[in-house]
Protein backbone atom coordinates (compact mmCIF):
# COMPACT_ATOMS: atom_id res chain seq x y z
CA MET A 1 16.60 9.06 41.46
CA GLY A 2 18.36 5.86 40.33
CA ILE A 3 19.70 4.46 37.09
CA HIS A 4 16.39 2.91 36.02
CA GLU A 5 14.53 6.20 36.47
CA ASP A 6 17.19 8.07 34.50
CA ILE A 7 16.93 5.48 31.72
CA GLN A 8 13.13 5.62 31.58
CA GLN A 9 13.22 9.40 31.25
CA GLY A 10 15.95 9.38 28.61
CA LYS A 11 18.40 11.13 30.93
CA LEU A 12 21.17 8.54 31.02
CA THR A 13 24.19 10.40 29.64
CA LYS A 14 27.74 9.18 29.26
CA ALA A 15 28.72 11.17 32.34
CA THR A 16 25.88 9.91 34.56
CA LEU A 17 26.51 6.31 33.50
CA ALA A 18 30.20 6.70 34.38
CA GLN A 19 29.18 8.01 37.79
CA TYR A 20 26.82 5.07 38.40
CA LEU A 21 29.55 2.61 37.42
CA GLY A 22 32.06 4.39 39.63
CA ASP A 23 29.75 4.08 42.61
CA ASN A 24 28.70 0.50 41.84
CA PRO A 25 30.70 -1.51 39.23
CA ASN A 26 28.06 -4.28 39.30
CA ILE A 27 25.08 -2.00 38.66
CA LEU A 28 24.54 -3.19 35.07
CA ASN A 29 23.73 -6.69 36.37
CA GLU A 30 21.35 -5.64 39.13
CA LEU A 31 17.60 -6.01 38.63
CA ASP A 32 15.11 -3.25 39.30
CA SER A 33 13.07 -4.20 42.38
CA ALA A 34 9.80 -3.11 40.75
CA THR A 35 10.07 -4.53 37.21
CA GLY A 36 12.70 -7.22 37.64
CA TYR A 37 14.61 -5.76 34.68
CA PRO A 38 18.36 -5.16 34.41
CA PRO A 39 19.25 -1.64 33.16
CA LEU A 40 19.59 -2.83 29.54
CA ALA A 41 16.06 -4.25 29.50
CA THR A 42 14.80 -0.99 30.99
CA ALA A 43 16.50 0.98 28.21
CA VAL A 44 15.16 -1.38 25.56
CA THR A 45 11.55 -1.12 26.74
CA ALA A 46 11.92 2.67 27.00
CA GLY A 47 12.88 2.75 23.32
CA PHE A 48 16.02 4.85 23.69
CA SER A 49 18.54 3.38 21.24
CA SER A 50 21.34 5.74 22.33
CA GLU A 51 21.01 4.51 25.93
CA VAL A 52 20.99 0.90 24.76
CA GLU A 53 24.20 1.54 22.84
CA GLN A 54 25.83 3.23 25.83
CA LEU A 55 24.97 0.37 28.16
CA LEU A 56 26.26 -2.27 25.74
CA THR A 57 29.46 -0.31 25.15
CA ASN A 58 30.05 -0.16 28.90
CA GLY A 59 29.66 -3.88 29.50
CA ALA A 60 25.94 -4.65 29.74
CA LYS A 61 25.26 -8.21 28.57
CA ALA A 62 22.98 -8.27 25.52
CA ASP A 63 21.50 -11.64 26.52
CA ALA A 64 21.04 -10.88 30.24
CA LEU A 65 17.73 -12.16 31.63
CA THR A 66 14.99 -10.42 33.55
CA ARG A 67 13.59 -11.87 36.75
CA ASP A 68 11.06 -13.76 34.61
CA GLY A 69 13.73 -15.20 32.31
CA GLU A 70 13.19 -12.86 29.35
CA THR A 71 15.91 -11.45 27.12
CA ALA A 72 15.81 -7.80 26.09
CA LEU A 73 15.39 -9.03 22.51
CA LEU A 74 12.21 -10.87 23.44
CA LEU A 75 10.84 -7.80 25.21
CA ILE A 76 11.35 -5.47 22.27
CA THR A 77 9.97 -7.77 19.58
CA ARG A 78 6.78 -8.63 21.46
CA PRO A 79 4.76 -5.34 21.22
CA LYS A 80 2.83 -4.52 18.05
CA THR A 81 4.60 -1.19 17.63
CA PHE A 82 7.80 0.07 19.19
CA ARG A 83 9.94 3.11 18.49
CA ASN A 84 13.48 2.53 17.21
CA ARG A 85 12.87 -1.22 17.21
CA PRO A 86 15.04 -2.22 14.21
CA ARG A 87 17.97 -0.17 15.46
CA ILE A 88 17.72 -1.64 18.96
CA VAL A 89 17.31 -5.17 17.59
CA GLN A 90 20.50 -4.67 15.58
CA LEU A 91 22.40 -3.41 18.64
CA LEU A 92 21.27 -6.39 20.70
CA LEU A 93 22.06 -8.94 18.00
CA ASP A 94 25.57 -7.54 17.58
CA GLY A 95 26.30 -8.42 21.21
CA MET A 96 24.39 -11.69 21.59
CA SER A 97 25.55 -15.27 21.33
CA ALA A 98 23.86 -17.35 18.63
CA ASP A 99 22.10 -19.63 21.14
CA SER A 100 20.34 -16.66 22.77
CA VAL A 101 18.63 -15.33 19.63
CA ASP A 102 15.68 -17.73 19.98
CA ALA A 103 15.41 -17.54 23.78
CA THR A 104 11.81 -17.33 24.99
CA THR A 105 9.57 -18.36 27.90
CA ALA A 106 6.39 -20.35 28.42
CA ALA A 107 4.69 -17.14 29.54
CA HIS A 108 5.14 -15.87 25.97
CA GLY A 109 3.68 -19.00 24.42
CA ASN A 110 7.21 -20.10 23.54
CA ASN A 111 7.13 -17.57 20.71
CA THR A 112 10.66 -16.58 19.73
CA PRO A 113 11.65 -12.98 18.91
CA LEU A 114 11.45 -13.90 15.22
CA MET A 115 7.91 -15.20 15.68
CA PHE A 116 6.86 -11.96 17.35
CA ALA A 117 8.46 -9.98 14.52
CA VAL A 118 6.45 -12.06 12.03
CA LEU A 119 3.22 -11.55 13.98
CA ASN A 120 3.89 -7.80 14.06
CA GLU A 121 4.78 -7.74 10.35
CA ASP A 122 8.03 -5.94 11.16
CA HIS A 123 9.98 -6.56 7.96
CA GLU A 124 13.24 -4.97 9.05
CA SER A 125 13.41 -6.83 12.37
CA ILE A 126 12.58 -10.07 10.53
CA ARG A 127 15.49 -9.49 8.14
CA LEU A 128 17.88 -8.73 10.99
CA LEU A 129 16.84 -11.79 12.99
CA ALA A 130 16.96 -14.10 9.97
CA LYS A 131 20.43 -12.84 9.09
CA ALA A 132 21.53 -13.49 12.69
CA GLY A 133 20.50 -17.13 12.36
CA ALA A 134 17.13 -17.11 14.15
CA SER A 135 15.49 -20.52 13.85
CA LEU A 136 12.84 -21.17 11.22
CA THR A 137 12.08 -24.64 12.58
CA VAL A 138 11.71 -24.30 16.37
CA LYS A 139 8.03 -24.52 17.38
CA ASN A 140 5.89 -22.46 19.74
CA GLU A 141 3.25 -23.86 22.11
CA ASN A 142 0.82 -24.11 19.17
CA GLY A 143 3.24 -26.26 17.21
CA LEU A 144 4.00 -23.56 14.64
CA THR A 145 7.39 -22.49 13.32
CA ALA A 146 8.31 -18.94 12.32
CA LYS A 147 8.25 -20.02 8.67
CA GLU A 148 4.78 -21.50 9.00
CA MET A 149 3.56 -18.32 10.67
CA ALA A 150 5.07 -16.24 7.87
CA ASP A 151 3.42 -18.42 5.23
CA ARG A 152 0.05 -17.87 6.93
CA ALA A 153 0.47 -14.10 7.24
CA ALA A 154 -1.94 -11.83 5.37
CA ASP A 155 1.07 -9.86 4.12
CA LYS A 156 2.69 -12.32 1.71
CA THR A 157 5.92 -10.32 1.61
CA ILE A 158 6.64 -11.45 5.19
CA ALA A 159 7.82 -14.83 3.92
CA LEU A 160 10.23 -13.10 1.54
CA SER A 161 11.75 -11.10 4.40
CA LEU A 162 12.77 -14.38 6.04
CA ASP A 163 15.12 -15.05 3.13
CA PRO A 164 17.05 -11.92 2.07
CA LYS A 165 18.57 -13.66 -0.95
CA LYS A 166 15.16 -14.64 -2.30
CA GLU A 167 13.89 -11.14 -1.60
CA ARG A 168 16.74 -9.58 -3.61
CA ALA A 169 16.25 -12.09 -6.41
CA ALA A 170 12.54 -11.28 -6.49
CA PHE A 171 13.39 -7.58 -6.76
CA ALA A 172 15.70 -8.32 -9.69
CA ARG A 173 12.85 -10.08 -11.52
CA LEU A 174 10.30 -7.44 -10.62
CA THR A 175 10.23 -5.40 -13.82
CA SER A 176 10.15 -8.46 -16.06
CA LEU A 177 7.32 -10.00 -14.04
CA VAL A 178 5.21 -6.84 -14.01
CA VAL A 179 5.76 -6.29 -17.73
CA SER A 180 4.68 -9.85 -18.47
CA LEU A 181 1.53 -9.41 -16.40
CA LEU A 182 0.61 -6.08 -17.99
CA LEU A 183 1.24 -7.29 -21.53
CA TYR A 184 -0.84 -10.34 -20.77
CA ILE A 185 -3.72 -8.18 -19.50
CA VAL A 186 -3.49 -5.88 -22.53
CA ALA A 187 -3.55 -8.82 -24.91
CA TRP A 188 -6.44 -10.46 -23.06
CA VAL A 189 -8.49 -7.27 -23.13
CA ASN A 190 -7.81 -6.79 -26.84
CA LYS A 191 -8.86 -10.35 -27.51
CA ALA A 192 -11.97 -10.16 -25.36
CA ILE A 193 -13.16 -6.79 -26.63
CA ASN A 194 -11.98 -6.72 -30.22
CA GLY A 195 -12.06 -10.42 -31.00
CA VAL A 196 -8.40 -10.47 -31.94
CA ALA A 197 -7.67 -14.05 -32.99
CA ARG A 198 -3.94 -14.22 -32.54
CA ARG A 199 -2.54 -15.66 -29.35
CA LEU A 200 -1.24 -13.22 -26.79
CA PHE A 201 2.13 -14.94 -27.00
CA GLU A 202 2.71 -13.31 -30.37
CA LEU A 203 2.97 -10.05 -28.44
CA ASN A 204 5.53 -11.43 -26.03
CA PRO A 205 6.83 -14.98 -26.58
CA GLU A 206 8.32 -15.07 -23.08
CA LEU A 207 4.84 -15.24 -21.61
CA ASN A 208 4.40 -18.71 -23.02
CA GLU A 209 7.41 -19.93 -21.06
CA ALA A 210 6.22 -18.20 -17.93
CA GLY A 211 2.88 -20.00 -18.21
CA ILE A 212 1.21 -16.88 -16.88
CA ASP A 213 -2.08 -17.65 -18.65
CA LYS A 214 -2.35 -21.03 -16.93
CA LYS A 215 -1.41 -19.52 -13.59
CA ILE A 216 -4.09 -16.85 -13.80
CA ASN A 217 -6.89 -18.68 -15.60
CA ARG A 218 -6.70 -22.26 -14.40
CA ASP A 219 -10.16 -23.18 -15.71
CA GLY A 220 -9.95 -21.94 -19.28
CA THR A 221 -11.15 -18.61 -20.66
CA PRO A 222 -13.08 -16.61 -18.05
CA GLU A 223 -15.62 -13.82 -18.32
CA THR A 224 -14.37 -10.28 -17.71
CA THR A 225 -15.37 -10.10 -14.03
CA GLU A 226 -13.79 -13.46 -13.30
CA PHE A 227 -10.68 -12.45 -15.24
CA VAL A 228 -10.17 -9.38 -13.04
CA GLU A 229 -10.66 -11.52 -9.92
CA ASN A 230 -8.16 -14.06 -11.25
CA VAL A 231 -5.56 -11.35 -11.87
CA GLU A 232 -6.05 -9.95 -8.37
CA ALA A 233 -5.69 -13.43 -6.86
CA PHE A 234 -2.52 -14.03 -8.89
CA VAL A 235 -1.01 -10.78 -7.63
CA LYS A 236 -1.95 -11.51 -4.01
CA GLY A 237 -0.24 -14.87 -4.33
CA ASN A 238 2.97 -13.27 -5.54
CA PRO A 239 4.62 -11.20 -2.76
CA THR A 240 6.84 -9.22 -5.13
CA LEU A 241 3.94 -8.21 -7.35
CA GLU A 242 1.74 -7.38 -4.37
CA ARG A 243 4.40 -5.08 -2.94
CA PHE A 244 4.86 -3.34 -6.30
CA PHE A 245 1.12 -2.91 -6.76
CA LYS A 246 0.88 -1.65 -3.17
CA GLY A 247 -1.78 -4.19 -2.22
CA ASN A 248 -4.28 -2.05 -4.12
CA PRO A 249 -6.43 -3.88 -6.70
CA SER A 250 -7.39 -0.60 -8.39
CA TYR A 251 -3.69 0.07 -8.99
CA ILE A 252 -3.50 -3.02 -11.18
CA GLN A 253 -6.69 -2.08 -13.00
CA ASP A 254 -5.49 1.48 -13.62
CA LEU A 255 -2.18 0.25 -15.03
CA ALA A 256 -3.91 -2.30 -17.23
CA GLU A 257 -6.55 0.15 -18.47
CA LYS A 258 -3.95 2.77 -19.35
CA ALA A 259 -1.69 0.24 -21.04
CA THR A 260 -4.66 -1.03 -23.06
CA ALA A 261 -5.67 2.53 -23.99
CA LEU A 262 -2.09 3.27 -25.06
CA LYS A 263 -2.10 0.25 -27.36
CA ALA A 264 -5.24 1.58 -29.02
CA ASP A 265 -3.92 5.16 -29.33
CA GLN A 266 -3.15 5.83 -33.00
CA THR A 267 -1.55 9.24 -32.30
CA THR A 268 1.65 7.72 -30.91
CA PRO A 269 3.72 4.63 -31.70
CA LEU A 270 4.31 3.96 -27.98
CA GLY A 271 1.55 1.34 -27.96
CA SER A 272 2.75 -0.47 -31.08
CA GLN A 273 3.74 -4.11 -30.93
CA ASP A 274 7.47 -3.37 -30.89
CA LEU A 275 7.39 -0.36 -28.55
CA LEU A 276 4.71 -1.25 -25.98
CA PRO A 277 6.94 -3.71 -24.05
CA LYS A 278 9.72 -1.10 -24.02
CA THR A 279 7.35 1.66 -22.95
CA ILE A 280 6.07 -0.45 -20.07
CA LYS A 281 9.58 -1.44 -18.96
CA VAL A 282 10.74 2.18 -18.97
CA THR A 283 7.62 3.33 -17.13
CA LEU A 284 7.95 0.72 -14.39
CA HIS A 285 11.27 2.25 -13.37
CA GLN A 286 11.18 5.18 -10.96
CA GLN A 287 12.00 8.03 -13.32
CA VAL A 288 14.45 10.68 -12.13
CA ILE A 289 15.27 13.59 -14.45
CA TYR A 290 18.51 15.34 -13.49
CA CYS A 291 18.89 18.73 -15.18
CA ASP A 292 21.78 21.09 -15.78
CA ASP A 293 20.96 24.64 -14.61
CA SER A 294 24.50 26.03 -14.82
CA SER A 295 24.96 29.49 -16.34
CA SER A 296 26.16 28.04 -19.67
CA MET A 297 22.63 26.73 -20.28
CA LYS A 298 21.61 30.28 -21.29
CA ARG A 299 23.36 29.84 -24.64
CA ASP A 300 21.86 28.75 -27.96
CA GLY A 301 18.39 28.03 -26.60
CA ARG A 302 19.72 25.17 -24.45
CA TRP A 303 17.46 25.88 -21.47
CA ALA A 304 14.32 25.95 -23.62
CA ALA A 305 15.35 22.71 -25.33
CA GLN A 306 15.96 21.05 -21.97
CA ALA A 307 12.54 22.19 -20.70
CA THR A 308 10.86 20.70 -23.77
CA LEU A 309 12.80 17.47 -23.35
CA VAL A 310 11.93 17.20 -19.64
CA ASN A 311 8.23 17.69 -20.35
CA LYS A 312 8.35 15.09 -23.11
CA ILE A 313 10.12 12.52 -20.93
CA ALA A 314 7.54 13.11 -18.20
CA GLN A 315 4.72 12.80 -20.72
CA ILE A 316 5.71 9.45 -22.16
CA THR A 317 6.84 7.89 -18.87
CA THR A 318 3.58 8.68 -17.09
CA ARG A 319 1.22 7.47 -19.83
CA ILE A 320 0.28 4.27 -18.02
CA LEU A 321 1.00 5.24 -14.41
CA PRO A 322 -2.00 5.41 -12.04
CA GLU A 323 -2.95 8.70 -10.42
CA GLY A 324 -0.46 9.69 -7.72
CA ASP A 325 2.58 8.13 -9.38
CA GLY A 326 5.00 10.22 -11.39
CA VAL A 327 8.61 11.27 -11.84
CA ALA A 328 11.28 12.98 -9.73
CA LEU A 329 12.94 16.18 -10.94
CA ARG A 330 16.27 17.52 -9.68
CA PHE A 331 18.68 20.30 -10.70
CA ILE A 332 22.43 20.62 -10.15
CA ASN A 333 22.36 24.08 -8.54
CA GLN A 334 18.79 24.76 -7.46
CA ASP A 335 16.27 22.91 -5.33
CA VAL A 336 12.69 22.48 -6.51
CA ASN A 337 9.85 23.51 -4.23
CA ASP A 338 8.30 20.06 -4.52
CA SER A 339 10.95 17.40 -3.98
CA SER A 340 8.43 14.59 -4.42
CA GLU A 341 9.39 11.44 -6.29
CA ASN A 342 5.95 11.39 -7.90
CA LEU A 343 5.48 14.67 -9.72
CA SER A 344 2.67 14.67 -12.26
CA LEU A 345 3.08 15.94 -15.81
CA GLU A 346 1.27 19.14 -14.80
CA GLN A 347 3.56 19.68 -11.80
CA ILE A 348 6.64 19.11 -13.95
CA GLY A 349 5.37 21.69 -16.43
CA LYS A 350 4.82 24.30 -13.72
CA ILE A 351 8.27 23.74 -12.24
CA MET A 352 10.01 24.05 -15.60
CA THR A 353 8.02 27.19 -16.42
CA GLY A 354 9.04 28.82 -13.15
CA MET A 355 12.71 27.78 -13.30
CA SER A 356 15.66 29.07 -15.31
CA TRP A 357 19.41 28.64 -15.42
CA LYS A 358 21.24 29.99 -12.39
CA LYS A 359 23.51 32.98 -12.81
CA GLY A 360 27.00 31.89 -11.83
CA GLY A 361 25.81 28.29 -11.51
CA GLU A 362 28.53 25.66 -11.71
CA THR A 363 28.42 22.07 -12.98
CA GLU A 364 29.00 19.93 -9.89
CA ILE A 365 27.26 17.10 -11.65
CA GLY A 366 28.75 14.18 -9.70
CA THR A 367 28.67 15.81 -6.27
CA CYS A 368 25.02 16.82 -6.60
CA LEU A 369 24.03 13.48 -8.14
CA LYS A 370 25.08 11.89 -4.87
CA SER A 371 23.59 14.48 -2.50
CA LYS A 372 20.33 15.21 -4.32
CA ILE A 373 19.46 11.85 -5.89
CA LEU A 374 21.48 8.86 -4.73
CA ASP A 375 21.51 9.68 -1.00
CA PRO A 376 17.75 10.32 -0.60
CA LEU A 377 16.30 8.09 -3.33
CA VAL A 378 18.65 5.09 -3.19
CA TYR A 379 20.95 4.86 -0.15
CA ARG A 380 18.40 5.78 2.50
CA LYS A 381 15.98 3.28 0.99
CA LEU A 382 18.65 0.59 0.91
CA GLN A 383 19.29 1.21 4.59
CA ALA A 384 15.57 1.14 5.40
CA LYS A 385 14.97 -1.81 3.03
CA THR A 386 12.26 0.18 1.22
CA LEU A 387 13.65 0.23 -2.33
CA ALA A 388 10.60 -1.09 -4.17
CA ARG A 389 11.33 -0.10 -7.78
CA PRO A 390 14.46 0.10 -9.92
CA LEU A 391 15.49 3.63 -10.91
CA LEU A 392 16.20 5.12 -14.32
CA ILE A 393 18.07 8.41 -13.97
CA SER A 394 18.18 10.65 -17.06
CA VAL A 395 21.16 13.00 -16.81
CA ILE A 396 21.05 16.05 -19.09
CA THR A 397 24.07 18.37 -19.28
CA ASP A 398 25.76 20.81 -21.64
CA GLY A 399 29.29 20.82 -20.33
CA MET A 400 32.14 19.34 -18.38
CA PRO A 401 32.16 19.37 -14.57
CA SER A 402 33.31 22.56 -12.91
CA VAL A 403 34.53 23.11 -9.33
CA GLU A 404 34.51 19.36 -8.62
CA ASN A 405 36.99 16.72 -9.76
CA LYS A 406 36.39 15.58 -13.36
CA GLY A 407 36.05 12.01 -12.15
CA ALA A 408 33.30 12.81 -9.63
CA LEU A 409 30.43 11.65 -11.86
CA VAL A 410 32.03 8.27 -12.56
CA GLU A 411 32.94 7.87 -8.89
CA ALA A 412 29.37 8.64 -7.79
CA ILE A 413 27.96 6.03 -10.17
CA LYS A 414 30.64 3.51 -9.23
CA GLU A 415 29.85 4.01 -5.53
CA CYS A 416 26.17 3.49 -6.29
CA GLY A 417 26.89 0.11 -7.86
CA GLU A 418 29.04 -0.90 -4.90
CA LYS A 419 26.40 0.11 -2.35
CA LEU A 420 23.75 -1.83 -4.25
CA GLN A 421 25.95 -4.93 -4.24
CA GLN A 422 26.72 -4.53 -0.54
CA ALA A 423 22.97 -4.46 0.11
CA GLU A 424 22.66 -7.59 -2.10
CA TYR A 425 20.74 -5.80 -4.85
CA PRO A 426 21.71 -6.10 -8.52
CA ARG A 427 24.01 -3.27 -9.63
CA ASN A 428 21.64 -2.41 -12.44
CA SER A 429 18.81 -1.68 -10.00
CA VAL A 430 19.84 1.91 -10.76
CA LYS A 431 20.48 2.77 -14.40
CA PHE A 432 21.68 5.99 -16.01
CA MET A 433 20.90 7.52 -19.40
CA ILE A 434 23.28 10.43 -20.00
CA GLY A 435 22.88 12.90 -22.86
CA GLN A 436 24.36 16.19 -24.02
CA ILE A 437 22.65 19.45 -24.90
CA GLY A 438 24.72 21.94 -26.90
CA THR A 439 27.77 21.62 -29.10
CA SER A 440 30.68 21.73 -26.66
CA GLU A 441 33.41 19.41 -27.94
CA LYS A 442 34.95 19.22 -24.47
CA ALA A 443 31.61 18.10 -23.04
CA ALA A 444 31.22 15.49 -25.78
CA LYS A 445 34.70 14.13 -25.06
CA PHE A 446 34.01 14.06 -21.32
CA LEU A 447 30.74 12.14 -21.77
CA GLU A 448 32.39 9.75 -24.21
CA GLY A 449 34.90 8.94 -21.49
CA VAL A 450 32.09 8.33 -18.99
CA GLY A 451 30.40 5.93 -21.39
CA LYS A 452 33.60 3.97 -21.96
CA ASP A 453 34.52 3.59 -18.29
CA THR A 454 34.48 -0.16 -17.65
CA ASN A 455 33.76 0.31 -13.93
CA ILE A 456 30.24 1.57 -14.66
CA ALA A 457 29.52 0.22 -18.15
CA ASP A 458 26.81 -2.14 -16.87
CA MET A 459 24.85 0.76 -15.35
CA VAL A 460 25.29 3.58 -17.87
CA PHE A 461 24.21 4.40 -21.41
CA VAL A 462 25.63 7.60 -22.92
CA THR A 463 23.75 8.55 -26.06
CA THR A 464 25.79 9.88 -28.96
CA ASP A 465 22.84 11.99 -30.06
CA GLN A 466 22.96 15.71 -29.33
CA LEU A 467 19.64 15.95 -27.51
CA ASP A 468 18.60 19.47 -28.51
CA GLU A 469 19.53 18.87 -32.15
CA LYS A 470 17.58 15.61 -32.22
CA LEU A 471 14.63 17.31 -30.57
CA SER A 472 14.63 20.00 -33.25
CA SER A 473 14.80 17.45 -36.07
CA PHE A 474 11.56 15.83 -34.86
CA LYS A 475 9.74 19.13 -34.47
CA GLU A 476 7.26 18.32 -37.23
CA ASN A 477 6.84 14.65 -36.35
CA GLU A 478 5.68 13.97 -32.79
CA GLY A 479 5.40 10.24 -33.42
CA ASN A 480 9.04 9.89 -34.43
CA LEU A 481 10.03 11.95 -31.39
CA ASP A 482 8.13 9.53 -29.14
CA ARG A 483 9.83 6.56 -30.80
CA TRP A 484 13.33 8.05 -30.55
CA LEU A 485 12.88 9.08 -26.94
CA ILE A 486 11.49 5.75 -25.70
CA GLU A 487 14.24 3.88 -27.57
CA THR A 488 16.83 6.16 -25.95
CA LEU A 489 15.38 5.71 -22.47
CA PHE A 490 15.16 1.96 -23.03
CA SER A 491 18.83 1.66 -24.05
CA PRO A 492 20.31 1.36 -20.50
CA ILE A 493 17.61 -1.21 -19.68
CA MET A 494 18.32 -3.20 -22.84
CA GLN A 495 22.01 -3.41 -21.89
CA THR A 496 21.11 -5.41 -18.78
CA GLU A 497 18.62 -7.84 -20.30
């Protein structure tokens, strides 16, 4: 068995590679007699990223050619699907010269690696290649550039992936754009069904500047069926909106129908003219509720108050969400059975009913924020480039940190902002609303310090309200409770507008 066979079977270890190199120092440049591939190309086409890394570390040339003149980069970007492709593309690009990134052959239609990535709708490989300087203007045998191919792609987000800065900027505008569209739909439906005479721009003056009505309804006022088609066409023409709405026309309709129904609901002020835009903006954030289950929560009815608050937050933040979307729920000490990001109101209720404070539970609020929320819901998505919605994390606690350093919470939030910036996302893509349950003066002083920390002030809102006390004061007035809660949840969003 030779080096190529070992590579193909995933058996090339550090020790075996050292042995091959000891026997033949030039082996990394020799082509396989059957395939015409050097060892690196064999490893690339086998899909073993660890072997690719080993070979590159030991001197394999990232831009070495096969017998037919192909680079390993060209070979891995060509197939429709390929395991570990983004990781291998990154490894190859790190070791390649700039003039090799676009290398191709006539046998491949003069399609560059970037062109193949576009054809395969491989967003991550597209981003990596674009960042490495892959050409957007070189043409294939059909006279098309990578940019032209991206513009023609059925998936309109492909063109955004070619320009990471535009993609990040589009993400930053996402909530505002979706809110404008939903408010426009709500106003149009109200006008069409109820004959409301006032212009929709009275509901949201910004829409007039955006010209969203002209963009959607180019030929005047349409009938209902045509209006829905126009909205769908508008979304399909906007890559950021299409990604948010998941390419699903019914998703848009469900959101619009529920937003319209909320506006007509007289049992809650959430659909009123002043609160509906805030309700929509809060709802369009991925909601994460982070609860304190330390042993001190057994006092003064704190656990029961927290459970009521959690259910109420879930209720108002899922009012307009389509079926299947919901909120995430996490605890400091305990893990929930369903760690989904999209728990329904019913699922939240069942979890809170079956949970209680943990005997001997500590308050490692910063440590667990990182491990249970930021790592899985933010950092992994930043790495995979799959962060599609901004997050609003509601932190509920009754005391100061225990076990961990008192600065751990601030440090965790600070690190989050830094990681977002490093990934070229706005720092406020993740926002925090922090509130206290209970009467601990030490806890109040600690949270006051968190709220005043200038390193995280743009990401954090610490409410001065004692949450359980406020909850109790609205016991006889559900409408005022809804108003207070949506205003509180909106506060960290308002700070960034």
